[in-house]
Amino acid sequence: MWLTDVSAAPHGGESIANILQRIATWLERRIGENGHHVAVTHAAVIRCAILHAIGATTHSFWHIDIAPLSVTDLRHDGSRWRWRAARPSDLQLE
């Protein structure tokens, strides 16, 4: 059920919908802050950040694969988020 229902919170955990809201709030608070932020986190959190950045539906959560030890680069240009997938060797902080 939890693979199809984004509001399901199995075993008292957090639903995908709740994670998405929490991460969206965190990302929006970063807008306008100077500097870079680095978050080392689980694949579910990264998926939710990507969904928010590209405006995808919550149901798209399961269509994103996050490789272990990968880097996901999200940037806000003052008007919108951009998602830049990168390998660690490709990442250049500006």
PDB file of N, CA and C in Angstrom:
ATOM      1  N   MET A   1       0.813  -1.201   0.000  1.00  0.00           N
ATOM      2  CA  MET A   1       0.000   0.000   0.000  1.00  0.00           C
ATOM      3  C   MET A   1       0.857   1.266   0.000  1.00  0.00           C
ATOM      4  N   TRP A   2       1.959   1.275   0.756  1.00  0.00           N
ATOM      5  CA  TRP A   2       2.766   2.494   0.840  1.00  0.00           C
ATOM      6  C   TRP A   2       3.480   2.799  -0.466  1.00  0.00           C
ATOM      7  N   LEU A   3       3.574   1.813  -1.380  1.00  0.00           N
ATOM      8  CA  LEU A   3       4.181   2.061  -2.686  1.00  0.00           C
ATOM      9  C   LEU A   3       3.233   2.776  -3.642  1.00  0.00           C
ATOM     10  N   THR A   4       1.957   2.819  -3.316  1.00  0.00           N
ATOM     11  CA  THR A   4       0.984   3.472  -4.195  1.00  0.00           C
ATOM     12  C   THR A   4       0.268   4.632  -3.512  1.00  0.00           C
ATOM     13  N   ASP A   5       0.272   4.662  -2.205  1.00  0.00           N
ATOM     14  CA  ASP A   5      -0.431   5.706  -1.456  1.00  0.00           C
ATOM     15  C   ASP A   5       0.590   6.626  -0.789  1.00  0.00           C
ATOM     16  N   VAL A   6       0.788   7.824  -1.346  1.00  0.00           N
ATOM     17  CA  VAL A   6       1.810   8.741  -0.824  1.00  0.00           C
ATOM     18  C   VAL A   6       1.470   9.289   0.560  1.00  0.00           C
ATOM     19  N   SER A   7       0.235   9.090   1.003  1.00  0.00           N
ATOM     20  CA  SER A   7      -0.140   9.555   2.343  1.00  0.00           C
ATOM     21  C   SER A   7       0.006   8.446   3.387  1.00  0.00           C
ATOM     22  N   ALA A   8       0.326   7.234   2.976  1.00  0.00           N
ATOM     23  CA  ALA A   8       0.501   6.124   3.910  1.00  0.00           C
ATOM     24  C   ALA A   8       1.764   6.330   4.741  1.00  0.00           C
ATOM     25  N   ALA A   9       1.655   6.009   6.017  1.00  0.00           N
ATOM     26  CA  ALA A   9       2.799   6.121   6.934  1.00  0.00           C
ATOM     27  C   ALA A   9       2.950   4.784   7.665  1.00  0.00           C
ATOM     28  N   PRO A  10       3.524   3.788   7.006  1.00  0.00           N
ATOM     29  CA  PRO A  10       3.608   2.457   7.595  1.00  0.00           C
ATOM     30  C   PRO A  10       4.461   2.422   8.859  1.00  0.00           C
ATOM     31  N   HIS A  11       4.028   1.606   9.787  1.00  0.00           N
ATOM     32  CA  HIS A  11       4.750   1.366  11.039  1.00  0.00           C
ATOM     33  C   HIS A  11       5.016   2.657  11.815  1.00  0.00           C
ATOM     34  N   GLY A  12       4.118   3.646  11.686  1.00  0.00           N
ATOM     35  CA  GLY A  12       4.263   4.891  12.428  1.00  0.00           C
ATOM     36  C   GLY A  12       5.311   5.830  11.852  1.00  0.00           C
ATOM     37  N   GLY A  13       5.777   5.549  10.646  1.00  0.00           N
ATOM     38  CA  GLY A  13       6.789   6.401  10.016  1.00  0.00           C
ATOM     39  C   GLY A  13       6.176   7.640   9.381  1.00  0.00           C
ATOM     40  N   GLU A  14       6.953   8.303   8.570  1.00  0.00           N
ATOM     41  CA  GLU A  14       6.532   9.536   7.902  1.00  0.00           C
ATOM     42  C   GLU A  14       6.094   9.201   6.473  1.00  0.00           C
ATOM     43  N   SER A  15       4.990   9.751   6.051  1.00  0.00           N
ATOM     44  CA  SER A  15       4.512   9.503   4.691  1.00  0.00           C
ATOM     45  C   SER A  15       5.369  10.272   3.684  1.00  0.00           C
ATOM     46  N   ILE A  16       5.310   9.824   2.428  1.00  0.00           N
ATOM     47  CA  ILE A  16       6.020  10.526   1.357  1.00  0.00           C
ATOM     48  C   ILE A  16       5.499  11.956   1.245  1.00  0.00           C
ATOM     49  N   ALA A  17       4.194  12.126   1.347  1.00  0.00           N
ATOM     50  CA  ALA A  17       3.606  13.468   1.271  1.00  0.00           C
ATOM     51  C   ALA A  17       4.138  14.368   2.378  1.00  0.00           C
ATOM     52  N   ASN A  18       4.294  13.839   3.584  1.00  0.00           N
ATOM     53  CA  ASN A  18       4.822  14.641   4.695  1.00  0.00           C
ATOM     54  C   ASN A  18       6.299  14.966   4.510  1.00  0.00           C
ATOM     55  N   ILE A  19       7.076  14.000   4.007  1.00  0.00           N
ATOM     56  CA  ILE A  19       8.495  14.272   3.744  1.00  0.00           C
ATOM     57  C   ILE A  19       8.612  15.375   2.696  1.00  0.00           C
ATOM     58  N   LEU A  20       7.812  15.274   1.643  1.00  0.00           N
ATOM     59  CA  LEU A  20       7.858  16.280   0.583  1.00  0.00           C
ATOM     60  C   LEU A  20       7.552  17.671   1.136  1.00  0.00           C
ATOM     61  N   GLN A  21       6.554  17.783   1.982  1.00  0.00           N
ATOM     62  CA  GLN A  21       6.210  19.091   2.553  1.00  0.00           C
ATOM     63  C   GLN A  21       7.345  19.625   3.427  1.00  0.00           C
ATOM     64  N   ARG A  22       7.936  18.746   4.229  1.00  0.00           N
ATOM     65  CA  ARG A  22       9.037  19.153   5.117  1.00  0.00           C
ATOM     66  C   ARG A  22      10.234  19.630   4.303  1.00  0.00           C
ATOM     67  N   ILE A  23      10.586  18.912   3.246  1.00  0.00           N
ATOM     68  CA  ILE A  23      11.736  19.272   2.428  1.00  0.00           C
ATOM     69  C   ILE A  23      11.456  20.524   1.607  1.00  0.00           C
ATOM     70  N   ALA A  24      10.236  20.675   1.097  1.00  0.00           N
ATOM     71  CA  ALA A  24       9.857  21.877   0.347  1.00  0.00           C
ATOM     72  C   ALA A  24       9.998  23.115   1.240  1.00  0.00           C
ATOM     73  N   THR A  25       9.563  23.007   2.462  1.00  0.00           N
ATOM     74  CA  THR A  25       9.682  24.122   3.409  1.00  0.00           C
ATOM     75  C   THR A  25      11.150  24.459   3.655  1.00  0.00           C
ATOM     76  N   TRP A  26      11.972  23.433   3.851  1.00  0.00           N
ATOM     77  CA  TRP A  26      13.400  23.659   4.090  1.00  0.00           C
ATOM     78  C   TRP A  26      14.046  24.337   2.883  1.00  0.00           C
ATOM     79  N   LEU A  27      13.738  23.847   1.670  1.00  0.00           N
ATOM     80  CA  LEU A  27      14.319  24.440   0.463  1.00  0.00           C
ATOM     81  C   LEU A  27      13.885  25.892   0.292  1.00  0.00           C
ATOM     82  N   GLU A  28      12.625  26.171   0.488  1.00  0.00           N
ATOM     83  CA  GLU A  28      12.129  27.537   0.301  1.00  0.00           C
ATOM     84  C   GLU A  28      12.756  28.502   1.299  1.00  0.00           C
ATOM     85  N   ARG A  29      13.105  28.024   2.463  1.00  0.00           N
ATOM     86  CA  ARG A  29      13.785  28.883   3.449  1.00  0.00           C
ATOM     87  C   ARG A  29      15.213  29.210   3.024  1.00  0.00           C
ATOM     88  N   ARG A  30      15.788  28.415   2.155  1.00  0.00           N
ATOM     89  CA  ARG A  30      17.149  28.663   1.681  1.00  0.00           C
ATOM     90  C   ARG A  30      17.203  29.754   0.621  1.00  0.00           C
ATOM     91  N   ILE A  31      16.085  30.045  -0.030  1.00  0.00           N
ATOM     92  CA  ILE A  31      16.065  31.061  -1.085  1.00  0.00           C
ATOM     93  C   ILE A  31      16.470  32.404  -0.486  1.00  0.00           C
ATOM     94  N   GLY A  32      17.389  33.059  -1.138  1.00  0.00           N
ATOM     95  CA  GLY A  32      17.835  34.367  -0.675  1.00  0.00           C
ATOM     96  C   GLY A  32      18.997  34.319   0.298  1.00  0.00           C
ATOM     97  N   GLU A  33      19.314  33.138   0.810  1.00  0.00           N
ATOM     98  CA  GLU A  33      20.473  33.025   1.695  1.00  0.00           C
ATOM     99  C   GLU A  33      21.732  32.989   0.843  1.00  0.00           C
ATOM    100  N   ASN A  34      22.770  33.614   1.310  1.00  0.00           N
ATOM    101  CA  ASN A  34      24.040  33.598   0.590  1.00  0.00           C
ATOM    102  C   ASN A  34      24.787  32.312   0.888  1.00  0.00           C
ATOM    103  N   GLY A  35      25.644  31.927  -0.015  1.00  0.00           N
ATOM    104  CA  GLY A  35      26.490  30.765   0.208  1.00  0.00           C
ATOM    105  C   GLY A  35      25.866  29.480  -0.279  1.00  0.00           C
ATOM    106  N   HIS A  36      26.511  28.394   0.086  1.00  0.00           N
ATOM    107  CA  HIS A  36      26.097  27.063  -0.341  1.00  0.00           C
ATOM    108  C   HIS A  36      25.629  26.269   0.866  1.00  0.00           C
ATOM    109  N   HIS A  37      24.754  25.331   0.616  1.00  0.00           N
ATOM    110  CA  HIS A  37      24.292  24.423   1.656  1.00  0.00           C
ATOM    111  C   HIS A  37      24.561  23.005   1.181  1.00  0.00           C
ATOM    112  N   VAL A  38      25.030  22.188   2.070  1.00  0.00           N
ATOM    113  CA  VAL A  38      25.283  20.792   1.756  1.00  0.00           C
ATOM    114  C   VAL A  38      24.455  19.955   2.716  1.00  0.00           C
ATOM    115  N   ALA A  39      23.717  19.014   2.161  1.00  0.00           N
ATOM    116  CA  ALA A  39      22.928  18.099   2.982  1.00  0.00           C
ATOM    117  C   ALA A  39      23.327  16.677   2.628  1.00  0.00           C
ATOM    118  N   VAL A  40      23.749  15.932   3.595  1.00  0.00           N
ATOM    119  CA  VAL A  40      24.053  14.520   3.415  1.00  0.00           C
ATOM    120  C   VAL A  40      22.850  13.775   3.970  1.00  0.00           C
ATOM    121  N   THR A  41      22.145  13.061   3.095  1.00  0.00           N
ATOM    122  CA  THR A  41      20.862  12.529   3.521  1.00  0.00           C
ATOM    123  C   THR A  41      20.485  11.274   2.757  1.00  0.00           C
ATOM    124  N   HIS A  42      19.311  10.770   3.050  1.00  0.00           N
ATOM    125  CA  HIS A  42      18.788   9.543   2.452  1.00  0.00           C
ATOM    126  C   HIS A  42      18.185   9.804   1.073  1.00  0.00           C
ATOM    127  N   ALA A  43      18.080   8.752   0.296  1.00  0.00           N
ATOM    128  CA  ALA A  43      17.523   8.854  -1.058  1.00  0.00           C
ATOM    129  C   ALA A  43      16.100   9.424  -1.049  1.00  0.00           C
ATOM    130  N   ALA A  44      15.284   9.087  -0.074  1.00  0.00           N
ATOM    131  CA  ALA A  44      13.908   9.583  -0.037  1.00  0.00           C
ATOM    132  C   ALA A  44      13.868  11.108   0.079  1.00  0.00           C
ATOM    133  N   VAL A  45      14.747  11.664   0.868  1.00  0.00           N
ATOM    134  CA  VAL A  45      14.804  13.118   1.030  1.00  0.00           C
ATOM    135  C   VAL A  45      15.268  13.769  -0.272  1.00  0.00           C
ATOM    136  N   ILE A  46      16.243  13.174  -0.931  1.00  0.00           N
ATOM    137  CA  ILE A  46      16.741  13.711  -2.196  1.00  0.00           C
ATOM    138  C   ILE A  46      15.649  13.653  -3.262  1.00  0.00           C
ATOM    139  N   ARG A  47      14.930  12.534  -3.319  1.00  0.00           N
ATOM    140  CA  ARG A  47      13.813  12.421  -4.271  1.00  0.00           C
ATOM    141  C   ARG A  47      12.803  13.543  -4.054  1.00  0.00           C
ATOM    142  N   CYS A  48      12.464  13.795  -2.803  1.00  0.00           N
ATOM    143  CA  CYS A  48      11.491  14.846  -2.495  1.00  0.00           C
ATOM    144  C   CYS A  48      12.018  16.222  -2.875  1.00  0.00           C
ATOM    145  N   ALA A  49      13.292  16.468  -2.660  1.00  0.00           N
ATOM    146  CA  ALA A  49      13.875  17.759  -3.045  1.00  0.00           C
ATOM    147  C   ALA A  49      13.806  17.946  -4.555  1.00  0.00           C
ATOM    148  N   ILE A  50      14.093  16.900  -5.293  1.00  0.00           N
ATOM    149  CA  ILE A  50      14.013  16.973  -6.757  1.00  0.00           C
ATOM    150  C   ILE A  50      12.573  17.219  -7.196  1.00  0.00           C
ATOM    151  N   LEU A  51      11.625  16.489  -6.620  1.00  0.00           N
ATOM    152  CA  LEU A  51      10.211  16.687  -6.968  1.00  0.00           C
ATOM    153  C   LEU A  51       9.800  18.132  -6.768  1.00  0.00           C
ATOM    154  N   HIS A  52      10.196  18.703  -5.654  1.00  0.00           N
ATOM    155  CA  HIS A  52       9.852  20.099  -5.372  1.00  0.00           C
ATOM    156  C   HIS A  52      10.525  21.028  -6.379  1.00  0.00           C
ATOM    157  N   ALA A  53      11.798  20.784  -6.635  1.00  0.00           N
ATOM    158  CA  ALA A  53      12.555  21.663  -7.532  1.00  0.00           C
ATOM    159  C   ALA A  53      11.973  21.695  -8.939  1.00  0.00           C
ATOM    160  N   ILE A  54      11.511  20.561  -9.432  1.00  0.00           N
ATOM    161  CA  ILE A  54      11.010  20.521 -10.807  1.00  0.00           C
ATOM    162  C   ILE A  54       9.492  20.591 -10.883  1.00  0.00           C
ATOM    163  N   GLY A  55       8.825  20.701  -9.737  1.00  0.00           N
ATOM    164  CA  GLY A  55       7.377  20.837  -9.726  1.00  0.00           C
ATOM    165  C   GLY A  55       6.637  19.570 -10.123  1.00  0.00           C
ATOM    166  N   ALA A  56       7.257  18.422  -9.895  1.00  0.00           N
ATOM    167  CA  ALA A  56       6.629  17.142 -10.235  1.00  0.00           C
ATOM    168  C   ALA A  56       5.636  16.736  -9.146  1.00  0.00           C
ATOM    169  N   THR A  57       4.730  15.868  -9.507  1.00  0.00           N
ATOM    170  CA  THR A  57       3.741  15.396  -8.541  1.00  0.00           C
ATOM    171  C   THR A  57       4.387  14.441  -7.546  1.00  0.00           C
ATOM    172  N   THR A  58       3.773  14.321  -6.406  1.00  0.00           N
ATOM    173  CA  THR A  58       4.256  13.413  -5.370  1.00  0.00           C
ATOM    174  C   THR A  58       4.300  11.980  -5.875  1.00  0.00           C
ATOM    175  N   HIS A  59       3.387  11.627  -6.771  1.00  0.00           N
ATOM    176  CA  HIS A  59       3.344  10.262  -7.302  1.00  0.00           C
ATOM    177  C   HIS A  59       4.557   9.936  -8.170  1.00  0.00           C
ATOM    178  N   SER A  60       5.342  10.933  -8.537  1.00  0.00           N
ATOM    179  CA  SER A  60       6.562  10.697  -9.318  1.00  0.00           C
ATOM    180  C   SER A  60       7.728  10.237  -8.443  1.00  0.00           C
ATOM    181  N   PHE A  61       7.529  10.223  -7.144  1.00  0.00           N
ATOM    182  CA  PHE A  61       8.565   9.870  -6.185  1.00  0.00           C
ATOM    183  C   PHE A  61       9.291   8.577  -6.567  1.00  0.00           C
ATOM    184  N   TRP A  62       8.534   7.554  -6.942  1.00  0.00           N
ATOM    185  CA  TRP A  62       9.111   6.240  -7.206  1.00  0.00           C
ATOM    186  C   TRP A  62       9.771   6.141  -8.576  1.00  0.00           C
ATOM    187  N   HIS A  63       9.739   7.195  -9.370  1.00  0.00           N
ATOM    188  CA  HIS A  63      10.342   7.177 -10.699  1.00  0.00           C
ATOM    189  C   HIS A  63      11.753   7.768 -10.714  1.00  0.00           C
ATOM    190  N   ILE A  64      12.263   8.122  -9.562  1.00  0.00           N
ATOM    191  CA  ILE A  64      13.597   8.716  -9.450  1.00  0.00           C
ATOM    192  C   ILE A  64      14.504   7.736  -8.711  1.00  0.00           C
ATOM    193  N   ASP A  65      15.616   7.378  -9.331  1.00  0.00           N
ATOM    194  CA  ASP A  65      16.611   6.524  -8.686  1.00  0.00           C
ATOM    195  C   ASP A  65      17.766   7.389  -8.205  1.00  0.00           C
ATOM    196  N   ILE A  66      18.138   7.206  -6.966  1.00  0.00           N
ATOM    197  CA  ILE A  66      19.267   7.930  -6.387  1.00  0.00           C
ATOM    198  C   ILE A  66      20.338   6.895  -6.046  1.00  0.00           C
ATOM    199  N   ALA A  67      21.471   6.996  -6.697  1.00  0.00           N
ATOM    200  CA  ALA A  67      22.568   6.054  -6.459  1.00  0.00           C
ATOM    201  C   ALA A  67      23.258   6.362  -5.133  1.00  0.00           C
ATOM    202  N   PRO A  68      23.724   5.330  -4.444  1.00  0.00           N
ATOM    203  CA  PRO A  68      24.501   5.566  -3.223  1.00  0.00           C
ATOM    204  C   PRO A  68      25.721   6.435  -3.524  1.00  0.00           C
ATOM    205  N   LEU A  69      26.043   7.323  -2.610  1.00  0.00           N
ATOM    206  CA  LEU A  69      27.201   8.214  -2.698  1.00  0.00           C
ATOM    207  C   LEU A  69      27.155   9.152  -3.900  1.00  0.00           C
ATOM    208  N   SER A  70      25.965   9.423  -4.408  1.00  0.00           N
ATOM    209  CA  SER A  70      25.832  10.333  -5.544  1.00  0.00           C
ATOM    210  C   SER A  70      25.691  11.770  -5.052  1.00  0.00           C
ATOM    211  N   VAL A  71      25.816  12.690  -5.979  1.00  0.00           N
ATOM    212  CA  VAL A  71      25.665  14.109  -5.686  1.00  0.00           C
ATOM    213  C   VAL A  71      24.484  14.632  -6.483  1.00  0.00           C
ATOM    214  N   THR A  72      23.597  15.345  -5.819  1.00  0.00           N
ATOM    215  CA  THR A  72      22.482  16.008  -6.481  1.00  0.00           C
ATOM    216  C   THR A  72      22.641  17.495  -6.232  1.00  0.00           C
ATOM    217  N   ASP A  73      22.709  18.260  -7.286  1.00  0.00           N
ATOM    218  CA  ASP A  73      22.967  19.693  -7.211  1.00  0.00           C
ATOM    219  C   ASP A  73      21.676  20.439  -7.541  1.00  0.00           C
ATOM    220  N   LEU A  74      21.115  21.138  -6.564  1.00  0.00           N
ATOM    221  CA  LEU A  74      19.928  21.974  -6.753  1.00  0.00           C
ATOM    222  C   LEU A  74      20.339  23.420  -6.554  1.00  0.00           C
ATOM    223  N   ARG A  75      19.901  24.282  -7.455  1.00  0.00           N
ATOM    224  CA  ARG A  75      20.240  25.709  -7.358  1.00  0.00           C
ATOM    225  C   ARG A  75      18.998  26.547  -7.599  1.00  0.00           C
ATOM    226  N   HIS A  76      18.946  27.676  -6.924  1.00  0.00           N
ATOM    227  CA  HIS A  76      17.846  28.615  -7.128  1.00  0.00           C
ATOM    228  C   HIS A  76      18.439  29.890  -7.702  1.00  0.00           C
ATOM    229  N   ASP A  77      17.889  30.363  -8.813  1.00  0.00           N
ATOM    230  CA  ASP A  77      18.450  31.543  -9.491  1.00  0.00           C
ATOM    231  C   ASP A  77      17.701  32.829  -9.173  1.00  0.00           C
ATOM    232  N   GLY A  78      16.894  32.806  -8.134  1.00  0.00           N
ATOM    233  CA  GLY A  78      16.117  33.987  -7.771  1.00  0.00           C
ATOM    234  C   GLY A  78      14.678  33.909  -8.240  1.00  0.00           C
ATOM    235  N   SER A  79      14.421  33.046  -9.210  1.00  0.00           N
ATOM    236  CA  SER A  79      13.041  32.906  -9.679  1.00  0.00           C
ATOM    237  C   SER A  79      12.586  31.454  -9.757  1.00  0.00           C
ATOM    238  N   ARG A  80      13.531  30.519  -9.870  1.00  0.00           N
ATOM    239  CA  ARG A  80      13.129  29.117  -9.964  1.00  0.00           C
ATOM    240  C   ARG A  80      14.276  28.203  -9.530  1.00  0.00           C
ATOM    241  N   TRP A  81      13.911  26.987  -9.192  1.00  0.00           N
ATOM    242  CA  TRP A  81      14.901  25.967  -8.865  1.00  0.00           C
ATOM    243  C   TRP A  81      15.379  25.304 -10.145  1.00  0.00           C
ATOM    244  N   ARG A  82      16.623  24.868 -10.139  1.00  0.00           N
ATOM    245  CA  ARG A  82      17.180  24.065 -11.227  1.00  0.00           C
ATOM    246  C   ARG A  82      17.798  22.822 -10.604  1.00  0.00           C
ATOM    247  N   TRP A  83      17.656  21.714 -11.294  1.00  0.00           N
ATOM    248  CA  TRP A  83      18.248  20.451 -10.856  1.00  0.00           C
ATOM    249  C   TRP A  83      19.367  20.096 -11.807  1.00  0.00           C
ATOM    250  N   ARG A  84      20.547  19.958 -11.288  1.00  0.00           N
ATOM    251  CA  ARG A  84      21.703  19.582 -12.095  1.00  0.00           C
ATOM    252  C   ARG A  84      22.258  18.283 -11.510  1.00  0.00           C
ATOM    253  N   ALA A  85      22.046  17.201 -12.226  1.00  0.00           N
ATOM    254  CA  ALA A  85      22.602  15.926 -11.781  1.00  0.00           C
ATOM    255  C   ALA A  85      24.100  15.949 -12.052  1.00  0.00           C
ATOM    256  N   ALA A  86      24.872  15.451 -11.122  1.00  0.00           N
ATOM    257  CA  ALA A  86      26.324  15.507 -11.280  1.00  0.00           C
ATOM    258  C   ALA A  86      26.985  14.344 -10.583  1.00  0.00           C
ATOM    259  N   ARG A  87      28.101  13.940 -11.127  1.00  0.00           N
ATOM    260  CA  ARG A  87      28.974  13.010 -10.425  1.00  0.00           C
ATOM    261  C   ARG A  87      29.893  13.864  -9.551  1.00  0.00           C
ATOM    262  N   PRO A  88      30.429  13.315  -8.471  1.00  0.00           N
ATOM    263  CA  PRO A  88      31.308  14.120  -7.620  1.00  0.00           C
ATOM    264  C   PRO A  88      32.435  14.803  -8.387  1.00  0.00           C
ATOM    265  N   SER A  89      32.983  14.152  -9.395  1.00  0.00           N
ATOM    266  CA  SER A  89      34.080  14.757 -10.156  1.00  0.00           C
ATOM    267  C   SER A  89      33.603  15.905 -11.043  1.00  0.00           C
ATOM    268  N   ASP A  90      32.297  15.976 -11.318  1.00  0.00           N
ATOM    269  CA  ASP A  90      31.739  17.036 -12.163  1.00  0.00           C
ATOM    270  C   ASP A  90      31.310  18.274 -11.368  1.00  0.00           C
ATOM    271  N   LEU A  91      31.162  18.133 -10.072  1.00  0.00           N
ATOM    272  CA  LEU A  91      30.599  19.195  -9.254  1.00  0.00           C
ATOM    273  C   LEU A  91      31.593  20.330  -9.077  1.00  0.00           C
ATOM    274  N   GLN A  92      31.166  21.515  -9.460  1.00  0.00           N
ATOM    275  CA  GLN A  92      31.965  22.719  -9.252  1.00  0.00           C
ATOM    276  C   GLN A  92      31.074  23.742  -8.565  1.00  0.00           C
ATOM    277  N   LEU A  93      31.402  24.091  -7.352  1.00  0.00           N
ATOM    278  CA  LEU A  93      30.615  25.072  -6.623  1.00  0.00           C
ATOM    279  C   LEU A  93      31.013  26.454  -7.104  1.00  0.00           C
ATOM    280  N   GLU A  94      30.010  27.228  -7.459  1.00  0.00           N
ATOM    281  CA  GLU A  94      30.273  28.588  -7.970  1.00  0.00           C
ATOM    282  C   GLU A  94      30.079  29.610  -6.901  1.00  0.00           C
TER     283      GLU A  94
END
